[in-house]
Amino acid sequence: MLVAALAALADLVRAQMQPTAPGSSGGGSAPLPALGQPLRLPDEVVLLDDAVLRPVHERNKVLVLYWWASWCPFCAIQSPLMDKLWRAHRSAGLQLLGLSIDKKREEAIGHLRAKGYGYPSTWVTPEIEKLLPRPKGLPITVVLGRDGKVLMAEAGQLFPEDIEQIARFL
């Protein structure tokens, strides 16, 4: 039974990591942004709670962009750690923006409510996807410094100690 479960998980990972054609639903074809590269962000995003986040990256703050989905088993492990990071360090200048790639906005809203996550999150619309195309895989974590340049870019689930280390950028 364990072998079958591991095989099914491996199949899920392989399927998730398959590149998709540009413009197709699901994204996942962009490369990770390079370290030191400035990242262009939308001027504003509508969060899942209907609040408007503007500017997306506040001056003198570190911004964590976190692509996730309610159905992603790796996100299920990483999301509570991201919420903990955000709650512990938001008063010290840490911003976190979750980018849900769920097929329906309502699925993402329901998931956040059910789990009690408080970090700001938006649903990836085609407009957001144009500026912030999702790299291959999930979860994706990108950290922007106070100057808007990429300090960290990781595809796949992070270990708890890796997530805790994001605070070093503050």
N, C-alpha and C. Protein backbone atom coordinates (compact mmCIF):
# COMPACT_ATOMS: atom_id res chain seq x y z
N MET A 1 0.82 -1.20 0.00
CA MET A 1 0.00 0.00 0.00
C MET A 1 0.87 1.26 0.00
N LEU A 2 1.93 1.26 0.82
CA LEU A 2 2.82 2.42 0.86
C LEU A 2 3.50 2.62 -0.49
N VAL A 3 3.91 1.53 -1.12
CA VAL A 3 4.56 1.64 -2.43
C VAL A 3 3.61 2.24 -3.45
N ALA A 4 2.34 1.82 -3.42
CA ALA A 4 1.35 2.37 -4.35
C ALA A 4 1.13 3.86 -4.10
N ALA A 5 1.09 4.25 -2.82
CA ALA A 5 0.90 5.66 -2.49
C ALA A 5 2.09 6.49 -2.96
N LEU A 6 3.30 5.97 -2.77
CA LEU A 6 4.49 6.70 -3.22
C LEU A 6 4.54 6.80 -4.74
N ALA A 7 4.12 5.73 -5.42
CA ALA A 7 4.09 5.76 -6.88
C ALA A 7 3.08 6.79 -7.37
N ALA A 8 1.92 6.85 -6.72
CA ALA A 8 0.90 7.84 -7.10
C ALA A 8 1.42 9.26 -6.87
N LEU A 9 2.13 9.47 -5.76
CA LEU A 9 2.69 10.79 -5.48
C LEU A 9 3.74 11.15 -6.52
N ALA A 10 4.58 10.20 -6.90
CA ALA A 10 5.59 10.45 -7.93
C ALA A 10 4.93 10.81 -9.26
N ASP A 11 3.83 10.12 -9.60
CA ASP A 11 3.10 10.44 -10.83
C ASP A 11 2.54 11.86 -10.78
N LEU A 12 2.02 12.24 -9.61
CA LEU A 12 1.48 13.59 -9.43
C LEU A 12 2.57 14.63 -9.62
N VAL A 13 3.74 14.38 -9.03
CA VAL A 13 4.85 15.33 -9.16
C VAL A 13 5.28 15.45 -10.61
N ARG A 14 5.42 14.31 -11.31
CA ARG A 14 5.81 14.35 -12.72
C ARG A 14 4.78 15.12 -13.55
N ALA A 15 3.51 14.88 -13.29
CA ALA A 15 2.46 15.57 -14.05
C ALA A 15 2.49 17.07 -13.76
N GLN A 16 2.74 17.43 -12.51
CA GLN A 16 2.76 18.84 -12.12
C GLN A 16 3.96 19.55 -12.73
N MET A 17 5.05 18.86 -12.92
CA MET A 17 6.27 19.48 -13.41
C MET A 17 6.32 19.53 -14.93
N GLN A 18 5.32 18.99 -15.62
CA GLN A 18 5.32 19.03 -17.08
C GLN A 18 5.12 20.45 -17.55
N PRO A 19 5.92 20.90 -18.51
CA PRO A 19 5.74 22.26 -19.02
C PRO A 19 4.43 22.37 -19.77
N THR A 20 3.86 23.54 -19.74
CA THR A 20 2.64 23.79 -20.49
C THR A 20 2.93 24.83 -21.55
N ALA A 21 2.15 24.81 -22.57
CA ALA A 21 2.36 25.76 -23.66
C ALA A 21 2.01 27.16 -23.20
N PRO A 22 2.78 28.16 -23.64
CA PRO A 22 2.44 29.54 -23.28
C PRO A 22 1.01 29.86 -23.69
N GLY A 23 0.31 30.53 -22.80
CA GLY A 23 -1.06 30.91 -23.08
C GLY A 23 -2.07 29.86 -22.69
N SER A 24 -1.62 28.65 -22.33
CA SER A 24 -2.56 27.63 -21.90
C SER A 24 -2.87 27.82 -20.43
N SER A 25 -3.99 27.27 -19.97
CA SER A 25 -4.34 27.42 -18.57
C SER A 25 -3.35 26.64 -17.73
N GLY A 26 -3.07 27.13 -16.56
CA GLY A 26 -2.17 26.45 -15.66
C GLY A 26 -0.78 27.04 -15.64
N GLY A 27 -0.40 27.80 -16.64
CA GLY A 27 0.91 28.43 -16.64
C GLY A 27 2.01 27.42 -16.45
N GLY A 28 3.01 27.79 -15.70
CA GLY A 28 4.06 26.87 -15.37
C GLY A 28 5.15 26.74 -16.41
N SER A 29 5.28 27.68 -17.32
CA SER A 29 6.29 27.55 -18.35
C SER A 29 7.39 28.60 -18.25
N ALA A 30 7.30 29.50 -17.32
CA ALA A 30 8.29 30.56 -17.19
C ALA A 30 9.48 30.08 -16.37
N PRO A 31 10.68 30.58 -16.67
CA PRO A 31 11.83 30.25 -15.82
C PRO A 31 11.74 31.01 -14.50
N LEU A 32 12.43 30.52 -13.49
CA LEU A 32 12.53 31.27 -12.25
C LEU A 32 13.27 32.58 -12.54
N PRO A 33 12.89 33.66 -11.88
CA PRO A 33 13.62 34.91 -12.09
C PRO A 33 15.04 34.78 -11.57
N ALA A 34 15.97 35.44 -12.22
CA ALA A 34 17.38 35.38 -11.84
C ALA A 34 17.64 36.23 -10.60
N LEU A 35 18.57 35.77 -9.78
CA LEU A 35 18.97 36.53 -8.60
C LEU A 35 19.53 37.88 -9.04
N GLY A 36 19.18 38.92 -8.32
CA GLY A 36 19.65 40.26 -8.63
C GLY A 36 18.83 41.00 -9.66
N GLN A 37 17.91 40.29 -10.31
CA GLN A 37 17.07 40.89 -11.35
C GLN A 37 15.92 41.65 -10.70
N PRO A 38 15.63 42.87 -11.18
CA PRO A 38 14.42 43.54 -10.69
C PRO A 38 13.20 42.83 -11.28
N LEU A 39 12.14 42.81 -10.55
CA LEU A 39 10.91 42.14 -11.01
C LEU A 39 9.82 43.18 -11.15
N ARG A 40 9.21 43.23 -12.31
CA ARG A 40 8.11 44.17 -12.55
C ARG A 40 6.84 43.58 -11.94
N LEU A 41 6.17 44.36 -11.16
CA LEU A 41 4.96 43.93 -10.47
C LEU A 41 3.76 44.73 -10.96
N PRO A 42 2.57 44.17 -10.81
CA PRO A 42 1.38 44.96 -11.13
C PRO A 42 1.31 46.18 -10.21
N ASP A 43 0.67 47.24 -10.68
CA ASP A 43 0.52 48.43 -9.84
C ASP A 43 -0.35 48.13 -8.63
N GLU A 44 -1.33 47.25 -8.84
CA GLU A 44 -2.23 46.87 -7.75
C GLU A 44 -2.80 45.49 -8.04
N VAL A 45 -3.23 44.82 -6.98
CA VAL A 45 -3.93 43.55 -7.13
C VAL A 45 -5.14 43.55 -6.20
N VAL A 46 -6.18 42.88 -6.65
CA VAL A 46 -7.36 42.69 -5.81
C VAL A 46 -7.15 41.38 -5.06
N LEU A 47 -7.16 41.47 -3.74
CA LEU A 47 -6.94 40.30 -2.92
C LEU A 47 -8.21 39.45 -2.86
N LEU A 48 -8.05 38.24 -2.37
CA LEU A 48 -9.19 37.33 -2.29
C LEU A 48 -10.27 37.82 -1.33
N ASP A 49 -9.89 38.72 -0.40
CA ASP A 49 -10.90 39.30 0.50
C ASP A 49 -11.48 40.60 -0.08
N ASP A 50 -11.20 40.87 -1.37
CA ASP A 50 -11.67 42.03 -2.12
C ASP A 50 -10.98 43.35 -1.75
N ALA A 51 -10.01 43.31 -0.82
CA ALA A 51 -9.21 44.50 -0.56
C ALA A 51 -8.28 44.71 -1.76
N VAL A 52 -7.84 45.94 -1.95
CA VAL A 52 -6.92 46.25 -3.04
C VAL A 52 -5.55 46.53 -2.43
N LEU A 53 -4.55 45.81 -2.94
CA LEU A 53 -3.18 46.00 -2.47
C LEU A 53 -2.47 46.90 -3.46
N ARG A 54 -2.15 48.11 -3.01
CA ARG A 54 -1.42 49.06 -3.84
C ARG A 54 -0.60 49.95 -2.94
N PRO A 55 0.66 50.07 -3.18
CA PRO A 55 1.41 49.35 -4.19
C PRO A 55 1.63 47.90 -3.76
N VAL A 56 1.93 47.04 -4.71
CA VAL A 56 2.14 45.64 -4.39
C VAL A 56 3.39 45.47 -3.54
N HIS A 57 4.43 46.23 -3.85
CA HIS A 57 5.67 46.16 -3.07
C HIS A 57 5.93 47.52 -2.45
N GLU A 58 5.76 47.59 -1.14
CA GLU A 58 5.99 48.86 -0.44
C GLU A 58 7.48 49.12 -0.30
N ARG A 59 7.84 50.38 -0.42
CA ARG A 59 9.23 50.79 -0.29
C ARG A 59 9.74 50.39 1.09
N ASN A 60 10.98 49.96 1.14
CA ASN A 60 11.66 49.58 2.37
C ASN A 60 11.08 48.33 3.04
N LYS A 61 10.43 47.48 2.24
CA LYS A 61 9.95 46.20 2.76
C LYS A 61 10.45 45.07 1.87
N VAL A 62 10.55 43.91 2.46
CA VAL A 62 10.90 42.70 1.73
C VAL A 62 9.59 42.03 1.33
N LEU A 63 9.49 41.62 0.08
CA LEU A 63 8.26 41.00 -0.43
C LEU A 63 8.51 39.54 -0.80
N VAL A 64 7.67 38.66 -0.26
CA VAL A 64 7.70 37.26 -0.63
C VAL A 64 6.50 37.00 -1.54
N LEU A 65 6.78 36.53 -2.75
CA LEU A 65 5.74 36.09 -3.68
C LEU A 65 5.65 34.58 -3.55
N TYR A 66 4.44 34.07 -3.32
CA TYR A 66 4.27 32.64 -3.04
C TYR A 66 3.14 32.08 -3.89
N TRP A 67 3.50 31.35 -4.98
CA TRP A 67 2.50 30.70 -5.82
C TRP A 67 2.06 29.41 -5.14
N TRP A 68 0.75 29.21 -5.03
CA TRP A 68 0.20 28.04 -4.36
C TRP A 68 -1.12 27.65 -5.00
N ALA A 69 -1.63 26.48 -4.61
CA ALA A 69 -2.95 26.02 -5.03
C ALA A 69 -3.54 25.16 -3.92
N SER A 70 -4.85 25.19 -3.79
CA SER A 70 -5.52 24.43 -2.74
C SER A 70 -5.34 22.93 -2.89
N TRP A 71 -5.13 22.45 -4.11
CA TRP A 71 -5.02 21.03 -4.40
C TRP A 71 -3.59 20.51 -4.34
N CYS A 72 -2.62 21.38 -4.13
CA CYS A 72 -1.20 21.03 -4.17
C CYS A 72 -0.76 20.41 -2.83
N PRO A 73 -0.30 19.13 -2.83
CA PRO A 73 0.10 18.50 -1.57
C PRO A 73 1.33 19.14 -0.95
N PHE A 74 2.21 19.70 -1.77
CA PHE A 74 3.41 20.34 -1.25
C PHE A 74 3.08 21.70 -0.65
N CYS A 75 2.11 22.39 -1.26
CA CYS A 75 1.64 23.66 -0.71
C CYS A 75 0.95 23.43 0.63
N ALA A 76 0.29 22.29 0.78
CA ALA A 76 -0.39 21.97 2.04
C ALA A 76 0.61 21.90 3.19
N ILE A 77 1.82 21.52 2.89
CA ILE A 77 2.87 21.46 3.91
C ILE A 77 3.51 22.84 4.09
N GLN A 78 3.73 23.55 2.99
CA GLN A 78 4.45 24.82 3.06
C GLN A 78 3.57 25.99 3.49
N SER A 79 2.31 26.01 3.11
CA SER A 79 1.45 27.18 3.39
C SER A 79 1.36 27.54 4.87
N PRO A 80 1.18 26.58 5.79
CA PRO A 80 1.12 26.99 7.20
C PRO A 80 2.43 27.61 7.67
N LEU A 81 3.54 27.16 7.11
CA LEU A 81 4.84 27.73 7.47
C LEU A 81 4.99 29.15 6.92
N MET A 82 4.46 29.38 5.72
CA MET A 82 4.49 30.73 5.15
C MET A 82 3.62 31.67 5.98
N ASP A 83 2.46 31.18 6.42
CA ASP A 83 1.58 31.99 7.25
C ASP A 83 2.27 32.34 8.56
N LYS A 84 2.95 31.37 9.14
CA LYS A 84 3.68 31.59 10.40
C LYS A 84 4.79 32.63 10.20
N LEU A 85 5.53 32.52 9.09
CA LEU A 85 6.58 33.49 8.77
C LEU A 85 6.00 34.89 8.66
N TRP A 86 4.90 35.01 7.91
CA TRP A 86 4.29 36.32 7.70
C TRP A 86 3.81 36.92 9.03
N ARG A 87 3.14 36.11 9.84
CA ARG A 87 2.63 36.62 11.12
C ARG A 87 3.77 37.05 12.05
N ALA A 88 4.88 36.31 12.03
CA ALA A 88 6.00 36.60 12.93
C ALA A 88 6.79 37.84 12.51
N HIS A 89 6.81 38.14 11.20
CA HIS A 89 7.73 39.18 10.72
C HIS A 89 7.07 40.34 9.98
N ARG A 90 5.77 40.36 9.86
CA ARG A 90 5.14 41.46 9.11
C ARG A 90 5.38 42.81 9.77
N SER A 91 5.45 42.85 11.09
CA SER A 91 5.69 44.13 11.76
C SER A 91 7.14 44.60 11.58
N ALA A 92 8.02 43.69 11.14
CA ALA A 92 9.42 44.05 10.91
C ALA A 92 9.69 44.39 9.45
N GLY A 93 8.64 44.47 8.64
CA GLY A 93 8.82 44.87 7.25
C GLY A 93 8.73 43.76 6.24
N LEU A 94 8.13 42.63 6.60
CA LEU A 94 7.96 41.53 5.65
C LEU A 94 6.56 41.58 5.06
N GLN A 95 6.50 41.63 3.75
CA GLN A 95 5.23 41.51 3.02
C GLN A 95 5.19 40.12 2.41
N LEU A 96 4.02 39.54 2.33
CA LEU A 96 3.85 38.27 1.64
C LEU A 96 2.62 38.40 0.76
N LEU A 97 2.75 37.98 -0.47
CA LEU A 97 1.61 37.96 -1.38
C LEU A 97 1.48 36.56 -1.93
N GLY A 98 0.40 35.89 -1.54
CA GLY A 98 0.09 34.59 -2.08
C GLY A 98 -0.54 34.75 -3.46
N LEU A 99 -0.16 33.88 -4.38
CA LEU A 99 -0.66 33.93 -5.75
C LEU A 99 -1.31 32.58 -6.04
N SER A 100 -2.61 32.50 -5.86
CA SER A 100 -3.33 31.24 -6.05
C SER A 100 -3.52 30.96 -7.53
N ILE A 101 -3.21 29.73 -7.93
CA ILE A 101 -3.44 29.33 -9.31
C ILE A 101 -4.63 28.37 -9.41
N ASP A 102 -5.46 28.33 -8.38
CA ASP A 102 -6.66 27.51 -8.45
C ASP A 102 -7.48 27.89 -9.67
N LYS A 103 -8.21 26.94 -10.24
CA LYS A 103 -9.02 27.22 -11.43
C LYS A 103 -10.14 28.21 -11.15
N LYS A 104 -10.67 28.18 -9.93
CA LYS A 104 -11.74 29.10 -9.55
C LYS A 104 -11.33 29.90 -8.33
N ARG A 105 -11.62 31.18 -8.38
CA ARG A 105 -11.32 32.08 -7.27
C ARG A 105 -11.97 31.59 -5.97
N GLU A 106 -13.18 31.09 -6.07
CA GLU A 106 -13.92 30.63 -4.89
C GLU A 106 -13.22 29.47 -4.19
N GLU A 107 -12.54 28.61 -4.96
CA GLU A 107 -11.79 27.51 -4.36
C GLU A 107 -10.67 28.03 -3.48
N ALA A 108 -9.98 29.04 -3.96
CA ALA A 108 -8.88 29.64 -3.20
C ALA A 108 -9.40 30.32 -1.94
N ILE A 109 -10.50 31.06 -2.07
CA ILE A 109 -11.09 31.76 -0.92
C ILE A 109 -11.50 30.74 0.14
N GLY A 110 -12.19 29.70 -0.27
CA GLY A 110 -12.64 28.67 0.67
C GLY A 110 -11.48 27.98 1.37
N HIS A 111 -10.42 27.73 0.63
CA HIS A 111 -9.24 27.07 1.21
C HIS A 111 -8.60 27.94 2.28
N LEU A 112 -8.38 29.21 1.99
CA LEU A 112 -7.77 30.12 2.97
C LEU A 112 -8.62 30.23 4.23
N ARG A 113 -9.92 30.35 4.03
CA ARG A 113 -10.82 30.44 5.19
C ARG A 113 -10.79 29.17 6.03
N ALA A 114 -10.86 28.02 5.36
CA ALA A 114 -10.88 26.74 6.07
C ALA A 114 -9.60 26.52 6.87
N LYS A 115 -8.48 26.96 6.33
CA LYS A 115 -7.18 26.77 7.00
C LYS A 115 -6.85 27.89 7.98
N GLY A 116 -7.55 29.02 7.87
CA GLY A 116 -7.29 30.14 8.77
C GLY A 116 -6.02 30.92 8.44
N TYR A 117 -5.57 30.85 7.19
CA TYR A 117 -4.38 31.60 6.81
C TYR A 117 -4.72 33.07 6.67
N GLY A 118 -3.83 33.92 7.15
CA GLY A 118 -4.09 35.34 7.14
C GLY A 118 -3.29 36.13 6.12
N TYR A 119 -2.27 35.51 5.51
CA TYR A 119 -1.44 36.28 4.59
C TYR A 119 -2.25 36.73 3.38
N PRO A 120 -1.96 37.94 2.90
CA PRO A 120 -2.68 38.47 1.74
C PRO A 120 -2.47 37.55 0.54
N SER A 121 -3.54 37.29 -0.18
CA SER A 121 -3.45 36.40 -1.33
C SER A 121 -4.38 36.89 -2.42
N THR A 122 -3.97 36.66 -3.65
CA THR A 122 -4.77 37.01 -4.80
C THR A 122 -4.91 35.79 -5.68
N TRP A 123 -5.85 35.86 -6.57
CA TRP A 123 -6.06 34.82 -7.57
C TRP A 123 -5.37 35.28 -8.83
N VAL A 124 -4.57 34.41 -9.43
CA VAL A 124 -3.80 34.79 -10.61
C VAL A 124 -4.74 34.92 -11.81
N THR A 125 -4.94 36.15 -12.22
CA THR A 125 -5.75 36.47 -13.39
C THR A 125 -4.83 36.52 -14.61
N PRO A 126 -5.39 36.54 -15.82
CA PRO A 126 -4.53 36.69 -17.00
C PRO A 126 -3.67 37.96 -16.95
N GLU A 127 -4.18 39.03 -16.35
CA GLU A 127 -3.41 40.27 -16.26
C GLU A 127 -2.19 40.09 -15.34
N ILE A 128 -2.39 39.41 -14.22
CA ILE A 128 -1.28 39.15 -13.30
C ILE A 128 -0.30 38.18 -13.95
N GLU A 129 -0.82 37.17 -14.64
CA GLU A 129 0.01 36.16 -15.30
C GLU A 129 0.95 36.80 -16.34
N LYS A 130 0.50 37.89 -16.98
CA LYS A 130 1.35 38.56 -17.96
C LYS A 130 2.59 39.16 -17.31
N LEU A 131 2.43 39.75 -16.14
CA LEU A 131 3.55 40.36 -15.43
C LEU A 131 4.33 39.36 -14.60
N LEU A 132 3.62 38.42 -14.00
CA LEU A 132 4.24 37.43 -13.12
C LEU A 132 3.90 36.02 -13.59
N PRO A 133 4.47 35.59 -14.71
CA PRO A 133 4.17 34.23 -15.17
C PRO A 133 4.72 33.21 -14.18
N ARG A 134 3.92 32.20 -13.90
CA ARG A 134 4.32 31.20 -12.91
C ARG A 134 5.39 30.29 -13.48
N PRO A 135 6.50 30.18 -12.76
CA PRO A 135 7.51 29.20 -13.17
C PRO A 135 6.96 27.78 -13.01
N LYS A 136 7.64 26.84 -13.61
CA LYS A 136 7.23 25.44 -13.58
C LYS A 136 7.30 24.90 -12.15
N GLY A 137 6.26 24.15 -11.76
CA GLY A 137 6.22 23.51 -10.45
C GLY A 137 5.39 24.29 -9.45
N LEU A 138 5.22 23.70 -8.30
CA LEU A 138 4.53 24.32 -7.17
C LEU A 138 5.06 23.68 -5.90
N PRO A 139 5.08 24.40 -4.83
CA PRO A 139 4.94 25.85 -4.71
C PRO A 139 6.17 26.56 -5.29
N ILE A 140 6.01 27.84 -5.54
CA ILE A 140 7.09 28.70 -6.00
C ILE A 140 7.23 29.82 -4.98
N THR A 141 8.45 30.08 -4.56
CA THR A 141 8.73 31.15 -3.60
C THR A 141 9.79 32.06 -4.18
N VAL A 142 9.46 33.35 -4.29
CA VAL A 142 10.39 34.36 -4.78
C VAL A 142 10.42 35.48 -3.75
N VAL A 143 11.63 35.87 -3.34
CA VAL A 143 11.79 36.94 -2.36
C VAL A 143 12.44 38.13 -3.05
N LEU A 144 11.78 39.29 -2.91
CA LEU A 144 12.31 40.55 -3.45
C LEU A 144 12.81 41.40 -2.30
N GLY A 145 13.99 41.97 -2.49
CA GLY A 145 14.55 42.86 -1.48
C GLY A 145 13.85 44.20 -1.44
N ARG A 146 14.29 45.02 -0.56
CA ARG A 146 13.70 46.36 -0.41
C ARG A 146 13.84 47.19 -1.68
N ASP A 147 14.83 46.82 -2.51
CA ASP A 147 15.06 47.52 -3.78
C ASP A 147 14.29 46.90 -4.94
N GLY A 148 13.51 45.86 -4.70
CA GLY A 148 12.72 45.22 -5.74
C GLY A 148 13.46 44.17 -6.54
N LYS A 149 14.71 43.87 -6.16
CA LYS A 149 15.49 42.86 -6.88
C LYS A 149 15.36 41.49 -6.20
N VAL A 150 15.44 40.45 -7.02
CA VAL A 150 15.27 39.08 -6.54
C VAL A 150 16.44 38.67 -5.65
N LEU A 151 16.10 38.27 -4.43
CA LEU A 151 17.09 37.78 -3.47
C LEU A 151 17.10 36.25 -3.40
N MET A 152 15.94 35.65 -3.72
CA MET A 152 15.79 34.20 -3.62
C MET A 152 14.68 33.79 -4.58
N ALA A 153 14.87 32.66 -5.25
CA ALA A 153 13.84 32.13 -6.15
C ALA A 153 13.94 30.61 -6.11
N GLU A 154 12.89 29.97 -5.59
CA GLU A 154 12.91 28.51 -5.41
C GLU A 154 11.62 27.89 -5.94
N ALA A 155 11.78 26.80 -6.68
CA ALA A 155 10.65 25.99 -7.13
C ALA A 155 10.59 24.74 -6.28
N GLY A 156 9.42 24.38 -5.83
CA GLY A 156 9.24 23.18 -5.02
C GLY A 156 9.13 23.52 -3.55
N GLN A 157 8.75 22.53 -2.80
CA GLN A 157 8.51 22.70 -1.36
C GLN A 157 9.80 23.04 -0.63
N LEU A 158 9.74 24.04 0.22
CA LEU A 158 10.87 24.42 1.06
C LEU A 158 10.78 23.71 2.40
N PHE A 159 11.93 23.44 2.98
CA PHE A 159 11.99 22.89 4.33
C PHE A 159 11.67 24.01 5.33
N PRO A 160 11.19 23.66 6.52
CA PRO A 160 10.89 24.71 7.51
C PRO A 160 12.06 25.65 7.78
N GLU A 161 13.27 25.09 7.86
CA GLU A 161 14.43 25.94 8.14
C GLU A 161 14.72 26.90 6.98
N ASP A 162 14.39 26.50 5.75
CA ASP A 162 14.56 27.40 4.59
C ASP A 162 13.59 28.57 4.68
N ILE A 163 12.38 28.29 5.09
CA ILE A 163 11.37 29.34 5.22
C ILE A 163 11.75 30.29 6.34
N GLU A 164 12.23 29.75 7.46
CA GLU A 164 12.66 30.60 8.57
C GLU A 164 13.81 31.52 8.14
N GLN A 165 14.67 31.04 7.24
CA GLN A 165 15.82 31.81 6.77
C GLN A 165 15.42 33.02 5.92
N ILE A 166 14.19 33.05 5.41
CA ILE A 166 13.74 34.21 4.64
C ILE A 166 13.82 35.48 5.49
N ALA A 167 13.63 35.33 6.78
CA ALA A 167 13.68 36.49 7.69
C ALA A 167 15.05 37.17 7.69
N ARG A 168 16.09 36.46 7.23
CA ARG A 168 17.44 37.08 7.21
C ARG A 168 17.52 38.26 6.25
N PHE A 169 16.59 38.30 5.30
CA PHE A 169 16.59 39.39 4.32
C PHE A 169 16.02 40.69 4.90
N LEU A 170 15.42 40.61 6.08
CA LEU A 170 14.86 41.81 6.70
C LEU A 170 15.99 42.65 7.18
